[in-house]
Structure formats: structure tokens, C-alpha cells
Amino acid sequence: MVATAQRYSELHPNVLIDWHIRSLQSFADESIATLSANYDLLVIDHPSMGEAASHELFIPLDKFLSEDLLQDQSNNSVGASHASYHIAGHQWALAIDAAAPVAASRPDILEANGVEEPATWDDMLELARAGLVAFAGLPLDCLMHWYSLCINEGQTPFTAVAAIVDQEVGMAALAAIKELTTICGESSLTRNPIAAYELMTTSDRYGYSPLAYGYSNYALGGAGLSVSARCAGPALDAALEYAQFVASGPVQTGLFTAGGGQPGYRGAWLDPENNRITQNFFMRTLATLDRAYVRPRHARAIEFQIRATAVMDDYLRSRLSPPEALEALNELDRRLRLPSSHTGTP
């Protein structure tokens, strides 16, 4: 974003865009209400869309940008990235960045240990027992892993009103995560995706990561660019022009990726040069992105995420039994989710 701001200011000398950086954890769970009151432009996460729409924190971009531009963004969406920023009839952000949990490996380490990349969950557990798995087991990430494993058990979370998922599905998914974290050790509970990849790249011990958000170069993954409702006058015109500039195919494919970004534009993921410089990261993971699940985006989704992470932490540290953890998650969902604005669709 710094690179795009610099280029945009070179093209428009009367416009200065100054980006302030926040942590990955802050990006995941910080409320956007305060941020939107202090900044014209925000890079945000899609679970915040319900909050943004209910309080009209952002400019509805569909009222200001052309239908052709928005259609191009939709046509070039990586998975549901573009749609994930559309709620309550409006587009609240442009999907400038796309990410989902993927598998990662060190083929050289696996070969040195006489093993192959796992083809099944049980195969992966065998690698973990051999000490070859770097698991991103931060409780927040494990909450996301739980969603994925529920889907693998045959049910998409949050599609029913009475419970997040059926008891049998939820318990099986919780058991799978607990088994993996137990094998990988308590240190895995403090490890976010970047820390897992650091373990894999700064030592020759770990050969596989089964579940961690994919970052081509440690850039933030999965993000939208919004314009605050506080933005007005010439600043609004500049912010809208800049947002279109960043999200455009040529910038996403060229400057954005070359400048350290992980694009949200499909053409950039298919670009031969972008794949060459990332060892085919984009081509190898695109199918996973296209099938990825979209987390809940209702008005209190971030609050649910924060509180559910605490439940997951208690469960993984054996302070809650599986039934207690599942009931606590369901109780949070019943209390915080608004059925009328529920949008947790795959």
C-alpha cells in the first residue's frame, strides 16, 4: 500500500496518502468504528462488514463507482473475495487482497526424512508425531480451522439457527484440532501463520504445515480497501480515485504485487511473472481460495470472534471439556448473531 500511495502521489502531486500500520492481531479483532472516525482510507477484514453496514461507517462504493468497474472486480474475484465485502445491498470495500488457509511444505526436509507429502489427515498426524509439522495453533486460527473441519465433516457452520453445527459434527472437529495441538505441543498455541512459516524457513526441522493462512511474502492476506464515511469534499474524490487505482487489474498485477502485496485480482494470480517470482504460490493455491469458506459478517461478528477465541483457548488448554466448549460457542452464537443479517455462507 505504501508503494501504491507513492506511485499515486507521483501521478497526482496534489494528493498525499500516508499509511499507518497496525498489527496482524489488531487487523483481525479491532473494532473499525474508532478507525473509521480517524482515517479516510482503511484496509479492513471482511467479518467487519456487518458492523460497517449497520453503523454506516464506510462509503457505499456502488453509489460512487461505475457498474463496469464493480463488474470487473466481481469477474476477477479470487473465490468470494469481492462478494465478502457486499452486504445489506451495498459494496463497502474493494477486495485488494485475498488469502485463505492452505498447506505448505519443505520437500527437501520431507525427502531427507524419507517421507512424502501427506495425502490424508491421518498421514499428516503421522508427520506430526515424527516432529515434522509446524502448526499455526493460535486459538484464533484454531477457531478458523474448526470451521474448515466442520465443513470436512459435512456441515457448513452457521447455516442453522439452533446451533453453529450439529453436535456430532462440532465434537468431531473439536477432537481433530485438540489431537493435533496435543501432538504438536503447547508452543503451537502461541503460533500464528507467520510464526509457523518462520519455523519452516529458519530451521531445517519442519517439513509441513497443514493449516495456515497463505502469505506469498508475509504481506497481509485477505483484505478490502474502504473509504470512511467521514471523508468528504476533495479528499473523498481523491480517496475514491485511489481505491480504484489500487484495485485495478494493471496495478494489482504489477505494482501491487511487485511492491510486496498479495493481490485480490484474479488476473494477478494467473500472471506468469507473479508466479515465477513466488515459486507458483498463486497458481498452486488458487483452487483452495476458490473453494474457501467466508466467515460470518453480521453486526457483532468481530465480538463473536474475540469471545469464541477465548473459548477455543480454554478448550485447547483443557479448561473446558468438548461438550462445554461446543455449548459455549453455541451460546455465544445465539446471543450475538442476528439471524436477519446472518451471512456466513460458503
Protein backbone atom coordinates (compact mmCIF):
# COMPACT_ATOMS: atom_id res chain seq x y z
CA MET A 1 0.00 0.00 0.00
CA VAL A 2 2.94 2.31 0.62
CA ALA A 3 4.19 1.58 -2.90
CA THR A 4 0.79 2.32 -4.46
CA ALA A 5 0.45 5.51 -2.43
CA GLN A 6 3.85 6.69 -3.60
CA ARG A 7 3.02 5.96 -7.24
CA TYR A 8 -0.39 7.59 -6.99
CA SER A 9 1.15 10.75 -5.49
CA GLU A 10 3.69 10.82 -8.32
CA LEU A 11 0.77 10.80 -10.77
CA HIS A 12 -1.25 13.24 -8.66
CA PRO A 13 1.24 15.61 -6.94
CA ASN A 14 -1.53 17.43 -5.06
CA VAL A 15 -2.53 14.22 -3.20
CA LEU A 16 -0.58 12.80 -0.23
CA ILE A 17 -1.55 9.38 1.15
CA ASP A 18 0.05 8.49 4.49
CA TRP A 19 -0.50 4.89 5.66
CA HIS A 20 -0.36 3.96 9.36
CA ILE A 21 0.34 0.29 10.11
CA ARG A 22 -1.35 -1.91 12.73
CA SER A 23 -0.58 -5.45 13.85
CA LEU A 24 -1.97 -8.65 12.36
CA GLN A 25 -3.84 -9.32 15.62
CA SER A 26 -5.30 -5.81 15.56
CA PHE A 27 -6.39 -6.33 11.97
CA ALA A 28 -8.24 -9.48 12.98
CA ASP A 29 -10.18 -8.26 16.00
CA GLU A 30 -10.04 -4.46 16.40
CA SER A 31 -13.33 -2.59 16.03
CA ILE A 32 -13.46 -0.43 12.94
CA ALA A 33 -15.70 2.26 14.46
CA THR A 34 -12.84 4.22 16.01
CA LEU A 35 -10.61 3.71 12.99
CA SER A 36 -13.22 4.95 10.55
CA ALA A 37 -13.64 8.10 12.63
CA ASN A 38 -9.95 8.93 12.31
CA TYR A 39 -8.92 7.83 8.82
CA ASP A 40 -10.15 8.48 5.29
CA LEU A 41 -8.95 5.13 3.91
CA LEU A 42 -8.91 1.79 5.73
CA VAL A 43 -7.64 -1.68 4.93
CA ILE A 44 -10.14 -3.93 6.70
CA ASP A 45 -11.21 -7.56 7.15
CA HIS A 46 -14.50 -8.85 5.73
CA PRO A 47 -16.05 -10.01 9.06
CA SER A 48 -16.35 -6.30 9.89
CA MET A 49 -18.84 -5.71 7.07
CA GLY A 50 -21.95 -6.19 9.19
CA GLU A 51 -20.73 -3.65 11.72
CA ALA A 52 -19.76 -1.26 8.93
CA ALA A 53 -23.14 -1.52 7.23
CA SER A 54 -25.25 -1.29 10.39
CA HIS A 55 -23.48 1.89 11.51
CA GLU A 56 -22.78 3.29 8.01
CA LEU A 57 -19.08 3.62 8.79
CA PHE A 58 -17.94 3.45 5.17
CA ILE A 59 -18.96 4.97 1.86
CA PRO A 60 -21.19 2.59 -0.15
CA LEU A 61 -18.88 2.31 -3.13
CA ASP A 62 -21.64 1.20 -5.51
CA LYS A 63 -23.09 4.71 -5.24
CA PHE A 64 -19.84 6.29 -6.44
CA LEU A 65 -18.03 3.78 -8.66
CA SER A 66 -19.15 2.68 -12.09
CA GLU A 67 -21.10 -0.50 -12.64
CA ASP A 68 -18.47 -1.61 -15.18
CA LEU A 69 -15.69 -1.30 -12.62
CA LEU A 70 -17.58 -3.25 -9.98
CA GLN A 71 -18.50 -5.92 -12.53
CA ASP A 72 -14.84 -6.24 -13.49
CA GLN A 73 -13.95 -6.65 -9.81
CA SER A 74 -16.62 -9.35 -9.48
CA ASN A 75 -15.48 -11.14 -12.63
CA ASN A 76 -11.90 -11.15 -11.37
CA SER A 77 -12.65 -12.10 -7.79
CA VAL A 78 -10.44 -14.74 -6.18
CA GLY A 79 -13.06 -17.00 -4.68
CA ALA A 80 -15.69 -14.98 -2.81
CA SER A 81 -13.33 -12.11 -2.02
CA HIS A 82 -15.33 -9.43 -3.84
CA ALA A 83 -18.69 -10.70 -2.57
CA SER A 84 -17.41 -10.84 1.01
CA TYR A 85 -17.42 -7.02 1.11
CA HIS A 86 -21.01 -6.79 -0.15
CA ILE A 87 -23.74 -6.75 2.47
CA ALA A 88 -27.09 -5.02 3.03
CA GLY A 89 -27.29 -4.24 -0.67
CA HIS A 90 -24.03 -2.30 -0.93
CA GLN A 91 -20.34 -2.79 -1.73
CA TRP A 92 -18.37 -1.45 1.25
CA ALA A 93 -14.83 -2.28 0.12
CA LEU A 94 -12.78 -3.40 -2.87
CA ALA A 95 -11.04 -6.76 -2.46
CA ILE A 96 -7.43 -5.69 -2.93
CA ASP A 97 -6.01 -8.78 -1.21
CA ALA A 98 -7.04 -12.44 -0.92
CA ALA A 99 -5.98 -15.23 1.43
CA ALA A 100 -7.18 -18.50 2.96
CA PRO A 101 -5.64 -21.34 4.96
CA VAL A 102 -3.51 -23.60 2.77
CA ALA A 103 -0.91 -26.34 3.22
CA ALA A 104 2.80 -25.61 2.92
CA SER A 105 5.75 -27.95 2.68
CA ARG A 106 9.54 -28.22 2.59
CA PRO A 107 10.01 -31.07 0.07
CA ASP A 108 13.72 -31.23 0.90
CA ILE A 109 13.01 -31.88 4.59
CA LEU A 110 10.38 -34.49 3.82
CA GLU A 111 12.73 -36.26 1.41
CA ALA A 112 15.58 -36.17 3.93
CA ASN A 113 13.30 -37.92 6.43
CA GLY A 114 12.14 -40.50 3.89
CA VAL A 115 8.50 -39.39 3.86
CA GLU A 116 6.11 -37.95 1.29
CA GLU A 117 3.65 -35.08 1.48
CA PRO A 118 0.58 -36.33 3.35
CA ALA A 119 -2.50 -37.20 1.32
CA THR A 120 -4.87 -37.54 4.28
CA TRP A 121 -5.38 -36.06 7.75
CA ASP A 122 -4.09 -39.29 9.30
CA ASP A 123 -0.97 -39.10 7.14
CA MET A 124 -0.40 -35.57 8.42
CA LEU A 125 -0.78 -36.70 12.03
CA GLU A 126 1.96 -39.28 11.43
CA LEU A 127 4.24 -36.46 10.29
CA ALA A 128 3.30 -34.50 13.39
CA ARG A 129 4.17 -37.44 15.63
CA ALA A 130 7.55 -37.53 13.90
CA GLY A 131 8.07 -33.87 14.84
CA LEU A 132 7.93 -32.63 11.25
CA VAL A 133 4.82 -30.41 11.45
CA ALA A 134 4.83 -26.68 12.23
CA PHE A 135 1.26 -25.97 13.27
CA ALA A 136 -0.25 -22.47 13.46
CA GLY A 137 -2.30 -23.26 16.56
CA LEU A 138 -3.07 -19.78 17.87
CA PRO A 139 -6.62 -20.13 19.29
CA LEU A 140 -7.94 -17.52 16.83
CA ASP A 141 -6.56 -19.60 13.97
CA CYS A 142 -7.88 -22.80 15.55
CA LEU A 143 -11.35 -21.26 15.50
CA MET A 144 -10.96 -20.86 11.73
CA HIS A 145 -9.56 -24.40 11.47
CA TRP A 146 -12.63 -25.62 13.35
CA TYR A 147 -14.88 -24.07 10.70
CA SER A 148 -12.91 -25.87 7.98
CA LEU A 149 -13.03 -29.20 9.77
CA CYS A 150 -16.78 -28.86 10.35
CA ILE A 151 -17.19 -28.45 6.59
CA ASN A 152 -14.99 -31.50 6.05
CA GLU A 153 -17.29 -33.38 8.43
CA GLY A 154 -20.16 -32.48 6.12
CA GLN A 155 -21.78 -29.34 7.52
CA THR A 156 -21.23 -25.64 6.83
CA PRO A 157 -21.15 -23.59 10.06
CA PHE A 158 -23.83 -21.01 10.87
CA THR A 159 -26.36 -22.30 8.35
CA ALA A 160 -28.83 -23.30 11.10
CA VAL A 161 -30.42 -21.16 13.81
CA ALA A 162 -30.37 -23.54 16.77
CA ALA A 163 -26.62 -24.25 16.74
CA ILE A 164 -23.50 -23.44 14.76
CA VAL A 165 -23.32 -27.07 13.64
CA ASP A 166 -24.80 -30.38 14.76
CA GLN A 167 -23.38 -31.85 17.95
CA GLU A 168 -21.69 -34.79 16.21
CA VAL A 169 -20.02 -32.60 13.60
CA GLY A 170 -18.86 -29.98 16.09
CA MET A 171 -17.44 -32.54 18.50
CA ALA A 172 -15.56 -34.40 15.78
CA ALA A 173 -13.98 -31.19 14.51
CA LEU A 174 -13.01 -30.11 18.04
CA ALA A 175 -11.45 -33.52 18.68
CA ALA A 176 -9.38 -33.31 15.49
CA ILE A 177 -7.93 -29.91 16.43
CA LYS A 178 -7.22 -30.99 20.00
CA GLU A 179 -5.39 -34.10 18.82
CA LEU A 180 -3.18 -32.07 16.50
CA THR A 181 -2.34 -29.41 19.09
CA THR A 182 -1.59 -32.09 21.68
CA ILE A 183 0.84 -33.80 19.32
CA CYS A 184 2.50 -30.53 18.30
CA GLY A 185 2.83 -29.28 21.87
CA GLU A 186 1.66 -26.27 23.84
CA SER A 187 4.03 -23.95 21.98
CA SER A 188 1.85 -24.34 18.90
CA LEU A 189 -0.92 -22.46 20.75
CA THR A 190 1.16 -19.28 20.61
CA ARG A 191 1.99 -19.59 16.92
CA ASN A 192 0.27 -17.58 14.19
CA PRO A 193 0.80 -18.42 10.50
CA ILE A 194 3.83 -16.17 10.13
CA ALA A 195 5.48 -17.81 13.14
CA ALA A 196 4.80 -21.25 11.65
CA TYR A 197 6.41 -20.24 8.37
CA GLU A 198 9.35 -18.73 10.25
CA LEU A 199 9.94 -22.11 11.88
CA MET A 200 9.92 -23.74 8.46
CA THR A 201 12.30 -21.26 6.85
CA THR A 202 14.76 -20.51 9.65
CA SER A 203 15.47 -24.13 10.52
CA ASP A 204 15.65 -27.48 8.75
CA ARG A 205 13.45 -29.29 11.26
CA TYR A 206 9.91 -28.85 9.95
CA GLY A 207 8.70 -30.14 6.61
CA TYR A 208 4.96 -29.46 6.63
CA SER A 209 2.26 -27.02 7.75
CA PRO A 210 -1.30 -28.36 7.31
CA LEU A 211 -3.34 -25.25 8.06
CA ALA A 212 -2.19 -21.64 7.98
CA TYR A 213 -3.24 -18.57 6.04
CA GLY A 214 -1.13 -18.41 2.91
CA TYR A 215 1.12 -15.37 2.58
CA SER A 216 3.22 -15.19 -0.56
CA ASN A 217 5.71 -12.87 1.12
CA TYR A 218 4.39 -12.22 4.66
CA ALA A 219 2.15 -9.45 3.35
CA LEU A 220 -1.27 -9.14 4.91
CA GLY A 221 -3.65 -11.64 3.36
CA GLY A 222 -7.36 -11.21 2.77
CA ALA A 223 -8.20 -7.51 2.95
CA GLY A 224 -10.50 -4.89 1.49
CA LEU A 225 -9.96 -1.18 0.87
CA SER A 226 -12.72 1.04 2.24
CA VAL A 227 -13.39 4.76 2.26
CA SER A 228 -14.58 6.19 5.57
CA ALA A 229 -17.96 7.92 5.75
CA ARG A 230 -16.12 10.86 7.37
CA CYS A 231 -14.31 11.50 4.11
CA ALA A 232 -15.80 14.41 2.15
CA GLY A 233 -15.08 17.04 -0.46
CA PRO A 234 -11.83 16.84 -2.45
CA ALA A 235 -10.49 14.18 -0.05
CA LEU A 236 -13.41 11.90 -0.96
CA ASP A 237 -12.78 12.34 -4.67
CA ALA A 238 -9.10 11.51 -4.18
CA ALA A 239 -9.85 8.51 -1.94
CA LEU A 240 -12.27 7.04 -4.46
CA GLU A 241 -9.83 7.54 -7.32
CA TYR A 242 -7.02 5.98 -5.31
CA ALA A 243 -9.18 2.97 -4.34
CA GLN A 244 -9.95 2.33 -8.00
CA PHE A 245 -6.26 2.72 -8.84
CA VAL A 246 -5.17 0.13 -6.24
CA ALA A 247 -7.88 -2.38 -7.19
CA SER A 248 -7.37 -2.08 -10.95
CA GLY A 249 -6.06 -5.06 -12.90
CA PRO A 250 -2.82 -3.45 -14.11
CA VAL A 251 -1.83 -2.15 -10.65
CA GLN A 252 -2.81 -5.37 -8.87
CA THR A 253 -0.89 -7.45 -11.39
CA GLY A 254 2.16 -5.21 -11.47
CA LEU A 255 2.99 -2.59 -8.84
CA PHE A 256 0.86 -4.04 -6.02
CA THR A 257 2.43 -7.50 -6.21
CA ALA A 258 5.93 -6.29 -7.00
CA GLY A 259 5.67 -3.83 -4.11
CA GLY A 260 5.07 -6.62 -1.58
CA GLY A 261 1.31 -7.17 -1.80
CA GLN A 262 -0.76 -10.32 -2.17
CA PRO A 263 -3.35 -9.25 -4.75
CA GLY A 264 -7.08 -9.79 -4.72
CA TYR A 265 -7.48 -9.55 -8.51
CA ARG A 266 -7.74 -12.91 -10.28
CA GLY A 267 -5.68 -11.84 -13.27
CA ALA A 268 -2.77 -11.15 -10.91
CA TRP A 269 -3.00 -14.70 -9.52
CA LEU A 270 -2.82 -16.12 -13.04
CA ASP A 271 0.02 -13.86 -14.18
CA PRO A 272 3.14 -15.84 -15.22
CA GLU A 273 5.61 -13.31 -13.79
CA ASN A 274 3.87 -13.15 -10.43
CA ASN A 275 4.00 -16.92 -10.24
CA ARG A 276 7.63 -17.02 -11.30
CA ILE A 277 8.74 -14.70 -8.51
CA THR A 278 6.69 -16.61 -5.90
CA GLN A 279 7.54 -20.18 -6.96
CA ASN A 280 3.98 -20.58 -8.32
CA PHE A 281 2.40 -19.69 -4.99
CA PHE A 282 -0.66 -18.21 -6.68
CA MET A 283 -1.32 -20.99 -9.17
CA ARG A 284 -0.73 -23.70 -6.54
CA THR A 285 -3.22 -22.25 -4.05
CA LEU A 286 -5.88 -20.65 -6.28
CA ALA A 287 -8.18 -23.70 -6.22
CA THR A 288 -8.20 -23.59 -2.42
CA LEU A 289 -9.06 -19.87 -2.46
CA ASP A 290 -11.89 -20.52 -4.89
CA ARG A 291 -13.43 -23.09 -2.52
CA ALA A 292 -12.77 -21.14 0.67
CA TYR A 293 -15.44 -20.53 3.31
CA VAL A 294 -16.49 -16.97 4.16
CA ARG A 295 -16.69 -16.32 7.89
CA PRO A 296 -19.77 -14.69 9.48
CA ARG A 297 -20.17 -10.97 8.76
CA HIS A 298 -23.12 -9.98 10.95
CA ALA A 299 -23.02 -6.81 13.02
CA ARG A 300 -21.44 -8.50 16.06
CA ALA A 301 -19.21 -10.94 14.19
CA ILE A 302 -15.97 -9.44 15.49
CA GLU A 303 -17.25 -9.64 19.07
CA PHE A 304 -18.17 -13.27 18.48
CA GLN A 305 -14.74 -13.95 17.04
CA ILE A 306 -12.96 -12.45 20.06
CA ARG A 307 -15.12 -14.28 22.61
CA ALA A 308 -15.09 -17.56 20.68
CA THR A 309 -11.29 -17.40 20.53
CA ALA A 310 -11.22 -17.30 24.34
CA VAL A 311 -13.48 -20.38 24.43
CA MET A 312 -11.20 -22.17 21.99
CA ASP A 313 -8.18 -21.28 24.12
CA ASP A 314 -9.86 -22.71 27.24
CA TYR A 315 -10.74 -25.89 25.36
CA LEU A 316 -7.28 -26.43 23.85
CA ARG A 317 -5.70 -25.93 27.30
CA SER A 318 -8.17 -28.47 28.79
CA ARG A 319 -10.01 -25.91 30.90
CA LEU A 320 -13.23 -26.86 29.11
CA SER A 321 -14.45 -30.29 28.04
CA PRO A 322 -15.53 -30.78 24.41
CA PRO A 323 -19.26 -30.58 25.25
CA GLU A 324 -18.69 -27.49 27.40
CA ALA A 325 -16.69 -25.80 24.64
CA LEU A 326 -19.28 -26.56 21.97
CA GLU A 327 -22.12 -25.32 24.16
CA ALA A 328 -20.18 -22.15 24.98
CA LEU A 329 -19.65 -21.47 21.28
CA ASN A 330 -23.32 -22.11 20.54
CA GLU A 331 -24.41 -19.85 23.40
CA LEU A 332 -22.22 -17.04 22.10
CA ASP A 333 -23.69 -17.51 18.64
CA ARG A 334 -27.26 -17.46 19.93
CA ARG A 335 -26.56 -14.28 21.90
CA LEU A 336 -24.61 -12.33 19.30
CA ARG A 337 -25.73 -13.41 15.87
CA LEU A 338 -28.66 -11.61 14.29
CA PRO A 339 -30.49 -14.13 12.11
CA SER A 340 -31.85 -11.39 9.85
CA SER A 341 -28.32 -10.27 8.95
CA HIS A 342 -26.67 -13.70 9.01
CA THR A 343 -24.35 -14.07 6.04
CA GLY A 344 -21.96 -16.86 6.97
CA THR A 345 -22.19 -18.62 3.60
CA PRO A 346 -19.60 -20.72 1.82
